[in-house]
Structures are given as C-alpha cells and as structure tokens.
N, C-alpha and C. Protein backbone atom coordinates (compact mmCIF):
# COMPACT_ATOMS: atom_id res chain seq x y z
N MET A 1 81.38 89.49 82.89
CA MET A 1 82.71 89.26 82.36
C MET A 1 82.63 88.12 81.35
N SER A 2 83.21 88.32 80.19
CA SER A 2 83.19 87.29 79.16
C SER A 2 84.12 86.14 79.54
N HIS A 3 83.94 85.04 78.89
CA HIS A 3 84.79 83.87 79.13
C HIS A 3 86.25 84.20 78.85
N ASP A 4 86.50 84.94 77.77
CA ASP A 4 87.88 85.31 77.43
C ASP A 4 88.49 86.22 78.48
N ASP A 5 87.69 87.21 78.97
CA ASP A 5 88.18 88.10 80.02
C ASP A 5 88.48 87.33 81.31
N LYS A 6 87.59 86.41 81.66
CA LYS A 6 87.78 85.59 82.85
C LYS A 6 89.03 84.74 82.72
N HIS A 7 89.21 84.14 81.56
CA HIS A 7 90.39 83.31 81.33
C HIS A 7 91.67 84.15 81.43
N ALA A 8 91.65 85.34 80.85
CA ALA A 8 92.82 86.22 80.90
C ALA A 8 93.12 86.63 82.34
N LEU A 9 92.08 86.92 83.12
CA LEU A 9 92.25 87.31 84.51
C LEU A 9 92.85 86.16 85.32
N GLU A 10 92.35 84.96 85.10
CA GLU A 10 92.77 83.80 85.89
C GLU A 10 94.07 83.17 85.41
N GLU A 11 94.40 83.30 84.15
CA GLU A 11 95.56 82.60 83.60
C GLU A 11 96.63 83.53 83.02
N GLY A 12 96.28 84.78 82.78
CA GLY A 12 97.20 85.70 82.12
C GLY A 12 98.25 86.27 83.06
N ALA A 13 99.16 87.03 82.49
CA ALA A 13 100.27 87.62 83.25
C ALA A 13 99.97 89.04 83.72
N ALA A 14 98.85 89.62 83.33
CA ALA A 14 98.53 90.99 83.72
C ALA A 14 98.03 91.04 85.16
N PHE A 15 98.63 91.91 85.96
CA PHE A 15 98.20 92.10 87.35
C PHE A 15 97.10 93.14 87.35
N LYS A 16 95.88 92.71 87.73
CA LYS A 16 94.71 93.57 87.74
C LYS A 16 93.96 93.39 89.05
N PRO A 17 94.45 94.03 90.13
CA PRO A 17 93.80 93.86 91.43
C PRO A 17 92.33 94.20 91.39
N GLY A 18 91.52 93.34 91.99
CA GLY A 18 90.07 93.52 92.03
C GLY A 18 89.64 94.22 93.30
N TYR A 19 89.66 95.53 93.29
CA TYR A 19 89.24 96.31 94.45
C TYR A 19 87.73 96.23 94.62
N ASN A 20 87.26 96.29 95.87
CA ASN A 20 85.82 96.28 96.12
C ASN A 20 85.21 97.66 95.85
N ALA A 21 83.94 97.82 96.15
CA ALA A 21 83.24 99.07 95.87
C ALA A 21 83.84 100.26 96.63
N ASP A 22 84.53 99.99 97.73
CA ASP A 22 85.18 101.05 98.50
C ASP A 22 86.61 101.31 98.03
N GLY A 23 87.03 100.61 96.97
CA GLY A 23 88.38 100.79 96.45
C GLY A 23 89.44 100.06 97.26
N LEU A 24 89.04 99.01 97.96
CA LEU A 24 89.95 98.27 98.83
C LEU A 24 90.06 96.80 98.41
N ILE A 25 91.19 96.21 98.77
CA ILE A 25 91.43 94.79 98.53
C ILE A 25 92.02 94.21 99.82
N PRO A 26 91.52 93.04 100.28
CA PRO A 26 92.09 92.46 101.49
C PRO A 26 93.49 91.91 101.22
N ALA A 27 94.36 92.07 102.22
CA ALA A 27 95.73 91.58 102.13
C ALA A 27 96.03 90.73 103.37
N ILE A 28 96.37 89.48 103.14
CA ILE A 28 96.71 88.54 104.20
C ILE A 28 98.23 88.48 104.30
N ALA A 29 98.77 88.75 105.48
CA ALA A 29 100.22 88.70 105.67
C ALA A 29 100.58 87.45 106.46
N SER A 30 101.53 86.68 105.92
CA SER A 30 102.00 85.49 106.62
C SER A 30 103.52 85.50 106.69
N ASP A 31 104.04 84.80 107.70
CA ASP A 31 105.48 84.69 107.87
C ASP A 31 106.08 83.92 106.69
N HIS A 32 107.12 84.47 106.11
CA HIS A 32 107.73 83.85 104.93
C HIS A 32 108.22 82.42 105.21
N ASP A 33 108.84 82.22 106.36
CA ASP A 33 109.44 80.91 106.66
C ASP A 33 108.44 79.88 107.16
N THR A 34 107.52 80.29 108.05
CA THR A 34 106.64 79.32 108.69
C THR A 34 105.26 79.23 108.05
N GLY A 35 104.85 80.27 107.33
CA GLY A 35 103.50 80.31 106.77
C GLY A 35 102.45 80.76 107.76
N GLU A 36 102.83 81.02 109.01
CA GLU A 36 101.89 81.47 110.03
C GLU A 36 101.20 82.75 109.57
N VAL A 37 99.86 82.79 109.65
CA VAL A 37 99.12 84.00 109.31
C VAL A 37 99.34 85.01 110.43
N LEU A 38 99.82 86.19 110.05
CA LEU A 38 100.14 87.22 111.02
C LEU A 38 99.04 88.25 111.17
N MET A 39 98.48 88.67 110.07
CA MET A 39 97.45 89.70 110.11
C MET A 39 96.72 89.77 108.78
N VAL A 40 95.57 90.43 108.81
CA VAL A 40 94.80 90.74 107.60
C VAL A 40 94.49 92.23 107.66
N ALA A 41 94.71 92.91 106.57
CA ALA A 41 94.42 94.35 106.51
C ALA A 41 93.91 94.67 105.11
N TRP A 42 93.67 95.92 104.86
CA TRP A 42 93.14 96.38 103.57
C TRP A 42 94.15 97.27 102.88
N MET A 43 94.17 97.19 101.56
CA MET A 43 94.99 98.08 100.74
C MET A 43 94.09 98.79 99.75
N ASN A 44 94.41 100.06 99.50
CA ASN A 44 93.84 100.73 98.34
C ASN A 44 94.95 100.79 97.29
N ALA A 45 94.68 101.40 96.17
CA ALA A 45 95.69 101.43 95.09
C ALA A 45 96.97 102.14 95.54
N GLU A 46 96.84 103.19 96.33
CA GLU A 46 98.01 103.92 96.80
C GLU A 46 98.85 103.05 97.75
N ALA A 47 98.21 102.34 98.66
CA ALA A 47 98.93 101.47 99.59
C ALA A 47 99.65 100.36 98.84
N LEU A 48 98.98 99.78 97.86
CA LEU A 48 99.60 98.72 97.07
C LEU A 48 100.79 99.27 96.29
N ASP A 49 100.64 100.45 95.71
CA ASP A 49 101.74 101.07 94.98
C ASP A 49 102.94 101.31 95.90
N HIS A 50 102.70 101.87 97.08
CA HIS A 50 103.79 102.10 98.05
C HIS A 50 104.46 100.78 98.42
N THR A 51 103.66 99.75 98.62
CA THR A 51 104.18 98.42 98.98
C THR A 51 105.06 97.88 97.87
N LEU A 52 104.59 97.95 96.65
CA LEU A 52 105.35 97.43 95.51
C LEU A 52 106.66 98.19 95.31
N ARG A 53 106.62 99.52 95.51
CA ARG A 53 107.83 100.33 95.31
C ARG A 53 108.83 100.24 96.46
N SER A 54 108.33 100.10 97.69
CA SER A 54 109.22 100.14 98.86
C SER A 54 109.66 98.76 99.36
N GLY A 55 108.85 97.75 99.07
CA GLY A 55 109.14 96.42 99.60
C GLY A 55 108.72 96.25 101.05
N VAL A 56 107.99 97.23 101.57
CA VAL A 56 107.47 97.19 102.94
C VAL A 56 105.96 97.34 102.87
N ALA A 57 105.24 96.54 103.68
CA ALA A 57 103.78 96.54 103.63
C ALA A 57 103.20 97.88 104.08
N ASN A 58 102.35 98.44 103.24
CA ASN A 58 101.57 99.63 103.52
C ASN A 58 100.10 99.26 103.37
N PHE A 59 99.26 99.85 104.19
CA PHE A 59 97.84 99.51 104.17
C PHE A 59 97.00 100.78 104.22
N TRP A 60 95.69 100.59 104.03
CA TRP A 60 94.74 101.67 104.21
C TRP A 60 94.02 101.41 105.52
N SER A 61 94.12 102.32 106.46
CA SER A 61 93.42 102.20 107.74
C SER A 61 92.00 102.70 107.56
N ARG A 62 91.05 101.78 107.67
CA ARG A 62 89.66 102.18 107.54
C ARG A 62 89.22 103.02 108.74
N SER A 63 89.70 102.69 109.94
CA SER A 63 89.28 103.43 111.14
C SER A 63 89.86 104.84 111.18
N ARG A 64 91.07 105.01 110.68
CA ARG A 64 91.70 106.33 110.67
C ARG A 64 91.57 107.04 109.33
N ALA A 65 91.07 106.32 108.33
CA ALA A 65 90.90 106.86 106.97
C ALA A 65 92.19 107.47 106.45
N LYS A 66 93.28 106.67 106.57
CA LYS A 66 94.56 107.16 106.04
C LYS A 66 95.48 105.99 105.71
N LEU A 67 96.45 106.29 104.88
CA LEU A 67 97.48 105.34 104.52
C LEU A 67 98.41 105.15 105.73
N TRP A 68 98.83 103.91 105.98
CA TRP A 68 99.80 103.69 107.05
C TRP A 68 100.77 102.59 106.67
N CYS A 69 102.00 102.81 107.06
CA CYS A 69 103.05 101.82 106.85
C CYS A 69 103.10 100.97 108.11
N LYS A 70 102.85 99.69 107.97
CA LYS A 70 102.88 98.79 109.13
C LYS A 70 104.23 98.91 109.81
N GLY A 71 104.20 99.20 111.11
CA GLY A 71 105.42 99.33 111.88
C GLY A 71 105.95 100.74 112.01
N GLU A 72 105.26 101.73 111.43
CA GLU A 72 105.76 103.09 111.51
C GLU A 72 105.85 103.59 112.95
N GLU A 73 105.02 103.05 113.83
CA GLU A 73 105.09 103.43 115.25
C GLU A 73 105.80 102.37 116.08
N SER A 74 105.53 101.10 115.82
CA SER A 74 106.08 100.02 116.64
C SER A 74 107.48 99.59 116.23
N GLY A 75 107.85 99.88 114.98
CA GLY A 75 109.13 99.40 114.46
C GLY A 75 109.06 97.99 113.90
N ASN A 76 107.88 97.37 113.98
CA ASN A 76 107.69 96.00 113.49
C ASN A 76 107.16 96.03 112.06
N THR A 77 108.02 96.40 111.13
CA THR A 77 107.62 96.49 109.74
C THR A 77 107.53 95.11 109.11
N LEU A 78 106.77 95.02 108.06
CA LEU A 78 106.62 93.78 107.32
C LEU A 78 107.37 93.92 106.00
N ARG A 79 108.53 93.29 105.92
CA ARG A 79 109.36 93.32 104.71
C ARG A 79 108.82 92.26 103.76
N ILE A 80 108.40 92.67 102.59
CA ILE A 80 107.80 91.77 101.61
C ILE A 80 108.86 90.85 101.00
N THR A 81 108.56 89.56 100.98
CA THR A 81 109.42 88.62 100.26
C THR A 81 108.72 88.12 99.00
N GLU A 82 107.39 88.16 99.02
CA GLU A 82 106.62 87.73 97.84
C GLU A 82 105.19 88.20 98.00
N ILE A 83 104.58 88.59 96.90
CA ILE A 83 103.16 88.91 96.88
C ILE A 83 102.50 87.97 95.89
N ARG A 84 101.43 87.35 96.33
CA ARG A 84 100.62 86.50 95.46
C ARG A 84 99.20 87.05 95.44
N THR A 85 98.46 86.66 94.41
CA THR A 85 97.04 87.01 94.35
C THR A 85 96.26 85.74 94.06
N ASP A 86 94.99 85.74 94.41
CA ASP A 86 94.17 84.55 94.17
C ASP A 86 93.71 84.53 92.72
N CYS A 87 92.93 83.51 92.39
CA CYS A 87 92.55 83.25 91.00
C CYS A 87 91.84 84.41 90.32
N ASP A 88 90.97 85.13 91.04
CA ASP A 88 90.28 86.25 90.40
C ASP A 88 90.84 87.61 90.84
N GLN A 89 92.00 87.59 91.46
CA GLN A 89 92.77 88.78 91.80
C GLN A 89 92.03 89.77 92.71
N ASP A 90 91.21 89.22 93.65
CA ASP A 90 90.52 90.13 94.57
C ASP A 90 90.97 89.95 96.02
N VAL A 91 92.07 89.21 96.23
CA VAL A 91 92.71 89.08 97.53
C VAL A 91 94.22 89.02 97.29
N LEU A 92 94.98 89.64 98.19
CA LEU A 92 96.44 89.58 98.10
C LEU A 92 96.98 88.77 99.27
N TRP A 93 98.04 88.01 99.02
CA TRP A 93 98.74 87.26 100.05
C TRP A 93 100.16 87.81 100.09
N LEU A 94 100.53 88.41 101.21
CA LEU A 94 101.86 88.96 101.40
C LEU A 94 102.68 87.98 102.23
N ARG A 95 103.74 87.48 101.66
CA ARG A 95 104.69 86.68 102.44
C ARG A 95 105.74 87.66 102.91
N VAL A 96 106.01 87.67 104.23
CA VAL A 96 106.82 88.72 104.82
C VAL A 96 107.82 88.19 105.84
N ASN A 97 108.80 89.01 106.11
CA ASN A 97 109.66 88.87 107.28
C ASN A 97 109.34 90.05 108.17
N VAL A 98 109.07 89.77 109.45
CA VAL A 98 108.75 90.84 110.40
C VAL A 98 110.05 91.41 110.94
N GLU A 99 110.26 92.70 110.71
CA GLU A 99 111.44 93.38 111.23
C GLU A 99 111.08 94.02 112.56
N GLY A 100 112.05 94.22 113.41
CA GLY A 100 111.79 94.74 114.75
C GLY A 100 111.83 93.59 115.72
N ASP A 101 110.89 93.57 116.66
CA ASP A 101 110.89 92.48 117.64
C ASP A 101 110.06 91.28 117.21
N GLY A 102 109.60 91.27 115.95
CA GLY A 102 108.90 90.11 115.40
C GLY A 102 107.44 90.02 115.76
N LYS A 103 106.87 91.09 116.28
CA LYS A 103 105.47 91.08 116.69
C LYS A 103 104.64 91.87 115.69
N ALA A 104 103.77 91.17 114.98
CA ALA A 104 102.98 91.81 113.93
C ALA A 104 101.71 92.46 114.45
N CYS A 105 101.20 92.01 115.61
CA CYS A 105 99.93 92.52 116.12
C CYS A 105 100.14 93.76 116.99
N HIS A 106 99.22 94.70 116.88
CA HIS A 106 99.31 95.92 117.70
C HIS A 106 99.14 95.63 119.19
N THR A 107 98.69 94.42 119.56
CA THR A 107 98.54 94.06 120.97
C THR A 107 99.86 93.59 121.57
N GLY A 108 100.91 93.52 120.73
CA GLY A 108 102.22 93.07 121.19
C GLY A 108 102.44 91.57 121.01
N ARG A 109 101.53 90.92 120.31
CA ARG A 109 101.68 89.49 120.04
C ARG A 109 102.29 89.28 118.66
N ARG A 110 102.81 88.10 118.45
CA ARG A 110 103.41 87.72 117.17
C ARG A 110 102.39 87.82 116.03
N THR A 111 101.17 87.36 116.28
CA THR A 111 100.13 87.31 115.27
C THR A 111 98.84 87.92 115.81
N CYS A 112 98.02 88.43 114.95
CA CYS A 112 96.70 88.93 115.35
C CYS A 112 95.74 87.78 115.64
N PHE A 113 96.09 86.58 115.21
CA PHE A 113 95.22 85.41 115.36
C PHE A 113 95.65 84.59 116.57
N TYR A 114 95.49 85.17 117.76
CA TYR A 114 95.94 84.54 119.00
C TYR A 114 94.78 83.94 119.80
N ARG A 115 93.55 84.01 119.28
CA ARG A 115 92.41 83.45 120.00
C ARG A 115 91.74 82.35 119.18
N VAL A 116 91.29 81.34 119.89
CA VAL A 116 90.63 80.19 119.28
C VAL A 116 89.14 80.27 119.59
N VAL A 117 88.30 80.10 118.59
CA VAL A 117 86.86 80.06 118.77
C VAL A 117 86.48 78.64 119.17
N GLU A 118 85.81 78.50 120.31
CA GLU A 118 85.43 77.19 120.80
C GLU A 118 83.92 77.11 121.01
N VAL A 119 83.36 75.95 120.71
CA VAL A 119 81.95 75.68 120.93
C VAL A 119 81.85 74.53 121.91
N ASP A 120 81.15 74.74 123.05
CA ASP A 120 81.03 73.66 124.03
C ASP A 120 79.83 72.77 123.69
N ASN A 121 79.61 71.75 124.49
CA ASN A 121 78.54 70.78 124.23
C ASN A 121 77.16 71.41 124.24
N ALA A 122 76.99 72.51 124.95
CA ALA A 122 75.69 73.19 125.01
C ALA A 122 75.51 74.17 123.84
N GLY A 123 76.54 74.33 123.02
CA GLY A 123 76.45 75.23 121.88
C GLY A 123 76.91 76.64 122.17
N SER A 124 77.43 76.88 123.37
CA SER A 124 77.95 78.21 123.71
C SER A 124 79.29 78.43 122.99
N VAL A 125 79.44 79.62 122.49
CA VAL A 125 80.66 79.96 121.76
C VAL A 125 81.47 80.94 122.59
N THR A 126 82.74 80.61 122.81
CA THR A 126 83.64 81.47 123.56
C THR A 126 84.98 81.55 122.87
N LEU A 127 85.82 82.44 123.35
CA LEU A 127 87.18 82.58 122.83
C LEU A 127 88.17 82.12 123.89
N ARG A 128 89.18 81.38 123.44
CA ARG A 128 90.28 80.95 124.30
C ARG A 128 91.55 81.57 123.73
N THR A 129 92.32 82.21 124.59
CA THR A 129 93.58 82.81 124.17
C THR A 129 94.68 81.76 124.23
N ASP A 130 95.43 81.65 123.14
CA ASP A 130 96.57 80.72 123.10
C ASP A 130 97.68 81.21 123.98
C-alpha cells in the first residue's frame, strides 16, 4: 500500500472495510451507555450491509456457515447506536442497546466475557466465573 493510500485509508472519509482472506471482519459489540464489551463476532459484506440497512446487528456464523441476526431466536437483538472502525478499517466496533431481556450471550448472561483468566503463584492458569 502506498503512503497516499495508507493516509487516505486512515484519515479519509471513505468507508473501506478490510475483510480478511475468508471475507470476514471482526465486530466488537459494546453497551452504548456503559461501554461494557458484550460480544465479538464476525461479519461478511452481506452481514455488514444488513446491519447498516436495518440498524440491527447481523453476523456471519462460521460454525453454521450462514448469516444470522443476533437475537433472532432469543429476542435479545443488538440495536446499533453507532458503528466505528479502527485506523486501518479491519475491525468494527458496534455500540449497541440490547433489546429483549438485556442478555447478549447465548449462555443467558449479559456479556460473553463472564470469565476471568487467572494465573496462580505456581503458574497454573485457570478460569474464574464472575
């Protein structure tokens, strides 16, 4: 990438999502009011287009190999309040309001990040659930 192209990508107004080799871009969803990270998922161009047009987060399910609207089964949809991208446009940050019962994780928790990685004095690594 030339210096001019890099500058345009980092400073310009053109939205040019940087999909990986599989045609996916990571999307981090956080609560609009608190900033709490709720989940991380992947979008392809179709999921991003649906998200931009509907105002509701849509993702690409790698395990099911299909497009899915977050909350289509649980009712806990992610209503977009703002979408940001990082400096080189290869990650998306979705600021959202969770509709439904406010639980973004498929396990029934508010957030997918409910476990803490801990290292004890002997160097053993375990998970602690909050």
